[in-house]
Amino acid sequence: MKKETPYETAKQLGEKYLLTVKKNKYFGLSKPAVMFDIDDTLIHYSGKPIKPIIALLKKCKKEKMIILIITARDSVYKEQTIDQLKQLKIPYDFLYLRNPDDQIETFKSKIKQNLAETEGITTVMSIGDNYMDIIGDYSGYYIKLPNQTDPNLYHLNADGFTERIIG
C-alpha cells in the first residue's frame, strides 16, 4: 500500500475544514477566501506541480471560495508566474507578488488585512510552506506544509493550537 504524503494529508485537512465552512454557511461571510502560496505549496521548487494541493485549490474554487495567491516571488517575475499558473491550469481570483519594499516577514498578513478592510474579502484558510504564509490575525485556519528546512506538517487544531501532524 502506498504511503500517504504530507500533501495528501494536508489536502484532507483542508477539505475537512472546507466542509466546516460550508456547514456553517460560510460563517455569514459574503466574500470568503482561501490563500495559497506558490513555491513549495502549489509548485515544488523543482517546478513540478504539487497535485494534492492544486486539487484542494480547485475544490475551494468549486465551492465558490475566492482564491488568493500571495507569493514571496519578486514582482519582476509576474508575467512568468502568470504563464506558469496558466500552464498548470491553476485558477485564481487575486495574485500578489512581493514588491521590493515589502517586508518579507509580514507582507502576506498585511495583504490579507488590506483585502478584508477594503474589499470585504475574509481569508478563512491559509496554506503555505513557511510561517509567514500563515501568521497574523487575517489568516483563518491554517496548514503549514513541509519545506526544505522544516519537514513537518502543522495545522491549527480545534482547540486553537498549532498541532504537528507529520514530522
N, C-alpha and C. Protein backbone atom coordinates (compact mmCIF):
# COMPACT_ATOMS: atom_id res chain seq x y z
N MET A 1 0.84 -1.18 0.00
CA MET A 1 0.00 0.00 0.00
C MET A 1 0.89 1.25 0.00
N LYS A 2 0.54 2.19 -0.83
CA LYS A 2 1.32 3.42 -0.97
C LYS A 2 1.15 4.31 0.28
N LYS A 3 2.28 4.81 0.77
CA LYS A 3 2.25 5.68 1.95
C LYS A 3 1.71 7.05 1.56
N GLU A 4 0.84 7.58 2.40
CA GLU A 4 0.26 8.90 2.16
C GLU A 4 1.33 9.98 2.33
N THR A 5 1.34 10.94 1.43
CA THR A 5 2.30 12.04 1.52
C THR A 5 1.75 13.14 2.43
N PRO A 6 2.63 14.01 2.93
CA PRO A 6 2.15 15.14 3.73
C PRO A 6 1.17 16.02 2.94
N TYR A 7 1.36 16.10 1.62
CA TYR A 7 0.47 16.92 0.80
C TYR A 7 -0.93 16.31 0.71
N GLU A 8 -1.00 14.98 0.66
CA GLU A 8 -2.32 14.33 0.66
C GLU A 8 -3.01 14.53 2.01
N THR A 9 -2.23 14.44 3.08
CA THR A 9 -2.79 14.70 4.41
C THR A 9 -3.28 16.14 4.51
N ALA A 10 -2.49 17.08 4.00
CA ALA A 10 -2.87 18.49 4.01
C ALA A 10 -4.15 18.70 3.21
N LYS A 11 -4.27 18.05 2.07
CA LYS A 11 -5.48 18.15 1.25
C LYS A 11 -6.70 17.68 2.06
N GLN A 12 -6.56 16.56 2.75
CA GLN A 12 -7.66 16.04 3.57
C GLN A 12 -8.03 17.02 4.69
N LEU A 13 -7.03 17.60 5.34
CA LEU A 13 -7.29 18.58 6.39
C LEU A 13 -8.03 19.79 5.82
N GLY A 14 -7.58 20.27 4.66
CA GLY A 14 -8.23 21.41 4.02
C GLY A 14 -9.66 21.11 3.61
N GLU A 15 -9.88 19.92 3.06
CA GLU A 15 -11.24 19.53 2.65
C GLU A 15 -12.16 19.42 3.86
N LYS A 16 -11.64 18.89 4.96
CA LYS A 16 -12.43 18.78 6.19
C LYS A 16 -12.83 20.17 6.68
N TYR A 17 -11.88 21.10 6.66
CA TYR A 17 -12.20 22.45 7.11
C TYR A 17 -13.18 23.13 6.15
N LEU A 18 -13.02 22.88 4.87
CA LEU A 18 -13.94 23.44 3.88
C LEU A 18 -15.37 22.97 4.14
N LEU A 19 -15.54 21.71 4.54
CA LEU A 19 -16.86 21.20 4.92
C LEU A 19 -17.42 21.96 6.12
N THR A 20 -16.56 22.23 7.09
CA THR A 20 -16.98 23.01 8.26
C THR A 20 -17.46 24.39 7.85
N VAL A 21 -16.72 25.02 6.95
CA VAL A 21 -17.10 26.35 6.46
C VAL A 21 -18.47 26.29 5.78
N LYS A 22 -18.66 25.29 4.93
CA LYS A 22 -19.95 25.15 4.22
C LYS A 22 -21.09 24.89 5.20
N LYS A 23 -20.88 23.97 6.15
CA LYS A 23 -21.93 23.64 7.13
C LYS A 23 -22.33 24.86 7.94
N ASN A 24 -21.39 25.76 8.15
CA ASN A 24 -21.66 26.97 8.91
C ASN A 24 -22.02 28.15 8.02
N LYS A 25 -22.49 27.82 6.81
CA LYS A 25 -22.94 28.83 5.85
C LYS A 25 -21.90 29.93 5.66
N TYR A 26 -20.66 29.47 5.48
CA TYR A 26 -19.53 30.37 5.22
C TYR A 26 -19.36 31.41 6.32
N PHE A 27 -19.80 31.04 7.53
CA PHE A 27 -19.69 31.91 8.71
C PHE A 27 -20.36 33.26 8.48
N GLY A 28 -21.33 33.29 7.58
CA GLY A 28 -22.04 34.54 7.28
C GLY A 28 -21.24 35.51 6.44
N LEU A 29 -20.12 35.08 5.93
CA LEU A 29 -19.26 35.96 5.13
C LEU A 29 -19.76 36.03 3.69
N SER A 30 -19.76 37.22 3.13
CA SER A 30 -20.17 37.36 1.73
C SER A 30 -19.02 37.08 0.77
N LYS A 31 -17.79 37.23 1.25
CA LYS A 31 -16.62 37.03 0.38
C LYS A 31 -15.55 36.20 1.10
N PRO A 32 -15.83 34.91 1.35
CA PRO A 32 -14.81 34.08 1.98
C PRO A 32 -13.71 33.71 0.99
N ALA A 33 -12.48 33.64 1.48
CA ALA A 33 -11.34 33.37 0.60
C ALA A 33 -10.40 32.35 1.22
N VAL A 34 -9.63 31.72 0.34
CA VAL A 34 -8.56 30.82 0.76
C VAL A 34 -7.28 31.32 0.12
N MET A 35 -6.22 31.43 0.93
CA MET A 35 -4.93 31.93 0.44
C MET A 35 -3.96 30.78 0.27
N PHE A 36 -3.31 30.76 -0.89
CA PHE A 36 -2.27 29.77 -1.20
C PHE A 36 -0.98 30.50 -1.54
N ASP A 37 0.13 29.94 -1.10
CA ASP A 37 1.45 30.34 -1.55
C ASP A 37 1.71 29.57 -2.85
N ILE A 38 2.77 29.90 -3.56
CA ILE A 38 3.11 29.15 -4.78
C ILE A 38 4.23 28.16 -4.53
N ASP A 39 5.42 28.67 -4.23
CA ASP A 39 6.61 27.82 -4.18
C ASP A 39 6.59 26.88 -2.99
N ASP A 40 6.73 25.60 -3.27
CA ASP A 40 6.66 24.50 -2.30
C ASP A 40 5.28 24.39 -1.65
N THR A 41 4.29 24.98 -2.30
CA THR A 41 2.89 24.83 -1.88
C THR A 41 2.08 24.32 -3.07
N LEU A 42 1.99 25.11 -4.11
CA LEU A 42 1.32 24.68 -5.34
C LEU A 42 2.30 24.05 -6.33
N ILE A 43 3.52 24.56 -6.31
CA ILE A 43 4.54 24.11 -7.25
C ILE A 43 5.82 23.80 -6.47
N HIS A 44 6.32 22.60 -6.62
CA HIS A 44 7.56 22.18 -5.96
C HIS A 44 8.72 23.03 -6.48
N TYR A 45 9.74 23.21 -5.65
CA TYR A 45 10.88 24.03 -6.09
C TYR A 45 11.52 23.49 -7.37
N SER A 46 11.29 22.21 -7.68
CA SER A 46 11.81 21.62 -8.92
C SER A 46 11.00 22.03 -10.14
N GLY A 47 9.85 22.66 -9.90
CA GLY A 47 8.97 23.09 -11.00
C GLY A 47 7.79 22.17 -11.22
N LYS A 48 7.75 21.04 -10.52
CA LYS A 48 6.64 20.10 -10.69
C LYS A 48 5.43 20.55 -9.85
N PRO A 49 4.23 20.34 -10.38
CA PRO A 49 3.03 20.70 -9.62
C PRO A 49 2.86 19.79 -8.40
N ILE A 50 2.36 20.36 -7.33
CA ILE A 50 2.02 19.57 -6.14
C ILE A 50 0.52 19.28 -6.24
N LYS A 51 0.22 18.15 -6.85
CA LYS A 51 -1.14 17.83 -7.27
C LYS A 51 -2.19 17.82 -6.15
N PRO A 52 -1.91 17.27 -4.97
CA PRO A 52 -2.95 17.30 -3.93
C PRO A 52 -3.34 18.72 -3.51
N ILE A 53 -2.38 19.63 -3.47
CA ILE A 53 -2.68 21.00 -3.05
C ILE A 53 -3.41 21.74 -4.18
N ILE A 54 -3.03 21.48 -5.42
CA ILE A 54 -3.75 22.07 -6.55
C ILE A 54 -5.19 21.54 -6.57
N ALA A 55 -5.38 20.26 -6.27
CA ALA A 55 -6.73 19.69 -6.20
C ALA A 55 -7.55 20.37 -5.10
N LEU A 56 -6.92 20.65 -3.96
CA LEU A 56 -7.61 21.36 -2.88
C LEU A 56 -8.00 22.76 -3.33
N LEU A 57 -7.09 23.46 -3.99
CA LEU A 57 -7.39 24.80 -4.51
C LEU A 57 -8.60 24.74 -5.44
N LYS A 58 -8.62 23.78 -6.35
CA LYS A 58 -9.73 23.66 -7.31
C LYS A 58 -11.04 23.33 -6.60
N LYS A 59 -10.97 22.52 -5.54
CA LYS A 59 -12.18 22.23 -4.77
C LYS A 59 -12.69 23.49 -4.08
N CYS A 60 -11.78 24.28 -3.53
CA CYS A 60 -12.17 25.55 -2.90
C CYS A 60 -12.83 26.46 -3.93
N LYS A 61 -12.27 26.52 -5.12
CA LYS A 61 -12.83 27.35 -6.20
C LYS A 61 -14.23 26.86 -6.56
N LYS A 62 -14.39 25.55 -6.67
CA LYS A 62 -15.70 24.96 -6.99
C LYS A 62 -16.74 25.31 -5.93
N GLU A 63 -16.29 25.43 -4.70
CA GLU A 63 -17.19 25.76 -3.59
C GLU A 63 -17.38 27.28 -3.44
N LYS A 64 -17.00 28.02 -4.47
CA LYS A 64 -17.23 29.47 -4.54
C LYS A 64 -16.37 30.29 -3.58
N MET A 65 -15.24 29.72 -3.17
CA MET A 65 -14.31 30.48 -2.36
C MET A 65 -13.49 31.37 -3.29
N ILE A 66 -13.13 32.55 -2.82
CA ILE A 66 -12.23 33.42 -3.57
C ILE A 66 -10.82 32.87 -3.38
N ILE A 67 -10.11 32.68 -4.48
CA ILE A 67 -8.76 32.12 -4.41
C ILE A 67 -7.74 33.25 -4.46
N LEU A 68 -6.98 33.37 -3.37
CA LEU A 68 -5.91 34.36 -3.27
C LEU A 68 -4.58 33.62 -3.40
N ILE A 69 -3.76 34.06 -4.31
CA ILE A 69 -2.40 33.54 -4.38
C ILE A 69 -1.48 34.71 -4.04
N ILE A 70 -0.79 34.55 -2.92
CA ILE A 70 0.13 35.58 -2.44
C ILE A 70 1.48 34.91 -2.28
N THR A 71 2.46 35.39 -3.03
CA THR A 71 3.76 34.74 -3.07
C THR A 71 4.90 35.72 -2.79
N ALA A 72 5.97 35.17 -2.25
CA ALA A 72 7.17 35.98 -2.00
C ALA A 72 8.03 36.13 -3.26
N ARG A 73 7.58 35.57 -4.37
CA ARG A 73 8.31 35.79 -5.62
C ARG A 73 8.35 37.28 -5.90
N ASP A 74 9.47 37.74 -6.39
CA ASP A 74 9.63 39.15 -6.72
C ASP A 74 8.67 39.54 -7.84
N SER A 75 8.10 40.72 -7.73
CA SER A 75 7.11 41.19 -8.71
C SER A 75 7.67 41.31 -10.13
N VAL A 76 8.98 41.34 -10.29
CA VAL A 76 9.55 41.38 -11.65
C VAL A 76 9.25 40.09 -12.41
N TYR A 77 8.85 39.04 -11.69
CA TYR A 77 8.54 37.75 -12.33
C TYR A 77 7.04 37.54 -12.52
N LYS A 78 6.27 38.61 -12.51
CA LYS A 78 4.81 38.47 -12.59
C LYS A 78 4.36 37.77 -13.87
N GLU A 79 4.86 38.18 -15.02
CA GLU A 79 4.43 37.57 -16.28
C GLU A 79 4.79 36.09 -16.34
N GLN A 80 6.01 35.74 -15.90
CA GLN A 80 6.41 34.34 -15.88
C GLN A 80 5.53 33.53 -14.92
N THR A 81 5.18 34.14 -13.80
CA THR A 81 4.33 33.47 -12.82
C THR A 81 2.94 33.24 -13.38
N ILE A 82 2.37 34.25 -14.02
CA ILE A 82 1.04 34.11 -14.64
C ILE A 82 1.09 33.00 -15.69
N ASP A 83 2.12 32.98 -16.51
CA ASP A 83 2.26 31.94 -17.53
C ASP A 83 2.36 30.55 -16.89
N GLN A 84 3.12 30.44 -15.81
CA GLN A 84 3.28 29.14 -15.14
C GLN A 84 1.95 28.67 -14.55
N LEU A 85 1.20 29.57 -13.93
CA LEU A 85 -0.10 29.20 -13.37
C LEU A 85 -1.07 28.78 -14.47
N LYS A 86 -1.06 29.50 -15.59
CA LYS A 86 -1.91 29.13 -16.74
C LYS A 86 -1.53 27.75 -17.27
N GLN A 87 -0.24 27.53 -17.44
CA GLN A 87 0.25 26.26 -17.98
C GLN A 87 -0.19 25.08 -17.10
N LEU A 88 -0.19 25.29 -15.80
CA LEU A 88 -0.58 24.24 -14.86
C LEU A 88 -2.08 24.24 -14.55
N LYS A 89 -2.82 25.13 -15.23
CA LYS A 89 -4.28 25.24 -15.06
C LYS A 89 -4.67 25.47 -13.60
N ILE A 90 -3.96 26.41 -12.97
CA ILE A 90 -4.24 26.78 -11.59
C ILE A 90 -5.06 28.08 -11.62
N PRO A 91 -6.35 27.99 -11.25
CA PRO A 91 -7.19 29.19 -11.27
C PRO A 91 -6.96 30.05 -10.03
N TYR A 92 -7.22 31.33 -10.17
CA TYR A 92 -7.13 32.24 -9.03
C TYR A 92 -7.96 33.48 -9.32
N ASP A 93 -8.32 34.18 -8.25
CA ASP A 93 -9.07 35.43 -8.36
C ASP A 93 -8.18 36.63 -8.08
N PHE A 94 -7.11 36.42 -7.33
CA PHE A 94 -6.23 37.51 -6.91
C PHE A 94 -4.81 36.96 -6.85
N LEU A 95 -3.89 37.67 -7.47
CA LEU A 95 -2.48 37.27 -7.46
C LEU A 95 -1.65 38.46 -6.99
N TYR A 96 -0.81 38.22 -5.98
CA TYR A 96 0.07 39.27 -5.49
C TYR A 96 1.48 38.72 -5.37
N LEU A 97 2.42 39.39 -6.02
CA LEU A 97 3.83 39.07 -5.91
C LEU A 97 4.50 40.18 -5.10
N ARG A 98 5.49 39.80 -4.31
CA ARG A 98 6.16 40.72 -3.40
C ARG A 98 6.85 41.86 -4.15
N ASN A 99 6.60 43.06 -3.67
CA ASN A 99 7.31 44.24 -4.17
C ASN A 99 8.61 44.39 -3.39
N PRO A 100 9.61 45.04 -3.97
CA PRO A 100 10.91 45.19 -3.28
C PRO A 100 10.80 45.88 -1.92
N ASP A 101 9.82 46.76 -1.73
CA ASP A 101 9.71 47.47 -0.46
C ASP A 101 8.86 46.73 0.57
N ASP A 102 8.30 45.58 0.22
CA ASP A 102 7.52 44.78 1.17
C ASP A 102 8.45 44.12 2.19
N GLN A 103 8.03 44.11 3.45
CA GLN A 103 8.78 43.38 4.47
C GLN A 103 8.44 41.90 4.33
N ILE A 104 9.43 41.09 4.06
CA ILE A 104 9.22 39.68 3.75
C ILE A 104 8.43 38.94 4.83
N GLU A 105 8.66 39.27 6.10
CA GLU A 105 8.03 38.53 7.20
C GLU A 105 6.55 38.84 7.37
N THR A 106 6.12 40.03 6.96
CA THR A 106 4.75 40.44 7.29
C THR A 106 3.87 40.82 6.10
N PHE A 107 4.41 40.85 4.90
CA PHE A 107 3.62 41.40 3.80
C PHE A 107 2.38 40.58 3.48
N LYS A 108 2.43 39.25 3.64
CA LYS A 108 1.26 38.43 3.33
C LYS A 108 0.12 38.72 4.30
N SER A 109 0.45 38.85 5.56
CA SER A 109 -0.56 39.19 6.56
C SER A 109 -1.17 40.56 6.27
N LYS A 110 -0.33 41.51 5.87
CA LYS A 110 -0.83 42.86 5.56
C LYS A 110 -1.72 42.87 4.32
N ILE A 111 -1.39 42.06 3.33
CA ILE A 111 -2.24 41.97 2.13
C ILE A 111 -3.60 41.40 2.51
N LYS A 112 -3.63 40.34 3.32
CA LYS A 112 -4.90 39.75 3.75
C LYS A 112 -5.71 40.76 4.58
N GLN A 113 -5.04 41.50 5.44
CA GLN A 113 -5.71 42.53 6.23
C GLN A 113 -6.30 43.60 5.32
N ASN A 114 -5.52 44.06 4.36
CA ASN A 114 -5.98 45.09 3.43
C ASN A 114 -7.19 44.62 2.63
N LEU A 115 -7.16 43.38 2.16
CA LEU A 115 -8.31 42.84 1.41
C LEU A 115 -9.56 42.78 2.29
N ALA A 116 -9.38 42.42 3.55
CA ALA A 116 -10.51 42.37 4.48
C ALA A 116 -11.09 43.76 4.72
N GLU A 117 -10.22 44.72 4.95
CA GLU A 117 -10.67 46.07 5.31
C GLU A 117 -11.17 46.88 4.13
N THR A 118 -10.64 46.66 2.93
CA THR A 118 -11.03 47.48 1.78
C THR A 118 -11.99 46.79 0.83
N GLU A 119 -11.94 45.45 0.76
CA GLU A 119 -12.77 44.72 -0.20
C GLU A 119 -13.79 43.80 0.47
N GLY A 120 -13.70 43.66 1.78
CA GLY A 120 -14.61 42.75 2.48
C GLY A 120 -14.30 41.29 2.23
N ILE A 121 -13.08 40.99 1.77
CA ILE A 121 -12.67 39.61 1.50
C ILE A 121 -12.01 39.06 2.76
N THR A 122 -12.61 38.01 3.32
CA THR A 122 -12.11 37.43 4.56
C THR A 122 -11.43 36.10 4.28
N THR A 123 -10.18 36.00 4.63
CA THR A 123 -9.44 34.75 4.46
C THR A 123 -9.85 33.79 5.56
N VAL A 124 -10.45 32.66 5.17
CA VAL A 124 -10.88 31.66 6.15
C VAL A 124 -9.87 30.53 6.28
N MET A 125 -8.94 30.42 5.31
CA MET A 125 -7.92 29.38 5.37
C MET A 125 -6.68 29.85 4.61
N SER A 126 -5.50 29.59 5.18
CA SER A 126 -4.22 29.93 4.55
C SER A 126 -3.36 28.68 4.48
N ILE A 127 -2.73 28.47 3.32
CA ILE A 127 -1.91 27.28 3.11
C ILE A 127 -0.57 27.70 2.51
N GLY A 128 0.50 27.29 3.16
CA GLY A 128 1.83 27.62 2.67
C GLY A 128 2.88 26.80 3.38
N ASP A 129 4.12 26.93 2.93
CA ASP A 129 5.21 26.13 3.49
C ASP A 129 6.07 26.91 4.49
N ASN A 130 5.78 28.17 4.70
CA ASN A 130 6.53 28.99 5.65
C ASN A 130 5.56 29.66 6.62
N TYR A 131 6.06 29.97 7.80
CA TYR A 131 5.20 30.60 8.79
C TYR A 131 4.67 31.95 8.33
N MET A 132 5.43 32.67 7.51
CA MET A 132 4.94 33.97 7.03
C MET A 132 3.69 33.81 6.16
N ASP A 133 3.44 32.60 5.64
CA ASP A 133 2.25 32.34 4.84
C ASP A 133 0.99 32.27 5.71
N ILE A 134 1.17 31.88 6.96
CA ILE A 134 0.02 31.53 7.78
C ILE A 134 -0.16 32.38 9.03
N ILE A 135 0.78 33.27 9.33
CA ILE A 135 0.68 34.06 10.56
C ILE A 135 -0.25 35.26 10.39
N GLY A 136 -0.69 35.78 11.50
CA GLY A 136 -1.47 37.01 11.50
C GLY A 136 -2.94 36.78 11.80
N ASP A 137 -3.59 37.85 12.19
CA ASP A 137 -5.00 37.79 12.56
C ASP A 137 -5.92 37.55 11.38
N TYR A 138 -5.43 37.68 10.18
CA TYR A 138 -6.28 37.57 8.99
C TYR A 138 -6.01 36.29 8.20
N SER A 139 -5.48 35.27 8.86
CA SER A 139 -5.12 34.03 8.16
C SER A 139 -6.16 32.94 8.27
N GLY A 140 -7.03 32.99 9.28
CA GLY A 140 -8.02 31.93 9.46
C GLY A 140 -7.35 30.63 9.87
N TYR A 141 -8.04 29.53 9.56
CA TYR A 141 -7.47 28.20 9.77
C TYR A 141 -6.23 28.09 8.89
N TYR A 142 -5.21 27.39 9.35
CA TYR A 142 -4.02 27.30 8.51
C TYR A 142 -3.44 25.90 8.46
N ILE A 143 -2.75 25.67 7.35
CA ILE A 143 -1.98 24.45 7.16
C ILE A 143 -0.58 24.88 6.73
N LYS A 144 0.41 24.49 7.52
CA LYS A 144 1.81 24.80 7.19
C LYS A 144 2.43 23.52 6.64
N LEU A 145 2.78 23.57 5.37
CA LEU A 145 3.33 22.42 4.66
C LEU A 145 4.82 22.25 4.95
N PRO A 146 5.36 21.05 4.71
CA PRO A 146 6.80 20.85 4.85
C PRO A 146 7.57 21.64 3.79
N ASN A 147 8.81 21.96 4.10
CA ASN A 147 9.70 22.57 3.11
C ASN A 147 11.10 22.01 3.32
N GLN A 148 12.07 22.55 2.60
CA GLN A 148 13.43 22.00 2.66
C GLN A 148 14.08 22.14 4.02
N THR A 149 13.70 23.15 4.80
CA THR A 149 14.32 23.35 6.10
C THR A 149 13.47 22.85 7.27
N ASP A 150 12.18 22.61 7.03
CA ASP A 150 11.29 22.12 8.08
C ASP A 150 10.39 21.04 7.47
N PRO A 151 10.68 19.77 7.74
CA PRO A 151 9.92 18.68 7.12
C PRO A 151 8.57 18.40 7.76
N ASN A 152 8.17 19.21 8.71
CA ASN A 152 6.93 18.96 9.45
C ASN A 152 5.70 19.56 8.77
N LEU A 153 4.58 18.93 9.01
CA LEU A 153 3.27 19.41 8.58
C LEU A 153 2.52 19.83 9.84
N TYR A 154 2.05 21.07 9.87
CA TYR A 154 1.32 21.60 11.02
C TYR A 154 -0.04 22.10 10.56
N HIS A 155 -0.98 22.18 11.51
CA HIS A 155 -2.24 22.86 11.25
C HIS A 155 -2.78 23.41 12.57
N LEU A 156 -3.80 24.24 12.44
CA LEU A 156 -4.46 24.81 13.61
C LEU A 156 -5.52 23.81 14.05
N ASN A 157 -5.39 23.24 15.25
CA ASN A 157 -6.36 22.23 15.67
C ASN A 157 -7.63 22.87 16.22
N ALA A 158 -8.60 22.03 16.56
CA ALA A 158 -9.91 22.50 17.01
C ALA A 158 -9.84 23.32 18.29
N ASP A 159 -8.77 23.14 19.05
CA ASP A 159 -8.61 23.90 20.29
C ASP A 159 -7.89 25.23 20.08
N GLY A 160 -7.55 25.52 18.82
CA GLY A 160 -6.89 26.78 18.52
C GLY A 160 -5.38 26.76 18.70
N PHE A 161 -4.81 25.57 18.75
CA PHE A 161 -3.36 25.44 18.91
C PHE A 161 -2.73 24.84 17.67
N THR A 162 -1.47 25.18 17.44
CA THR A 162 -0.72 24.57 16.35
C THR A 162 -0.42 23.12 16.71
N GLU A 163 -0.72 22.22 15.79
CA GLU A 163 -0.51 20.80 16.02
C GLU A 163 0.36 20.24 14.90
N ARG A 164 1.40 19.50 15.28
CA ARG A 164 2.25 18.85 14.29
C ARG A 164 1.58 17.53 13.90
N ILE A 165 1.41 17.32 12.60
CA ILE A 165 0.76 16.11 12.10
C ILE A 165 1.80 15.10 11.63
N ILE A 166 2.75 15.57 10.85
CA ILE A 166 3.78 14.69 10.28
C ILE A 166 5.13 15.34 10.54
N GLY A 167 6.08 14.53 10.92
CA GLY A 167 7.43 15.04 11.10
C GLY A 167 8.01 14.63 12.42
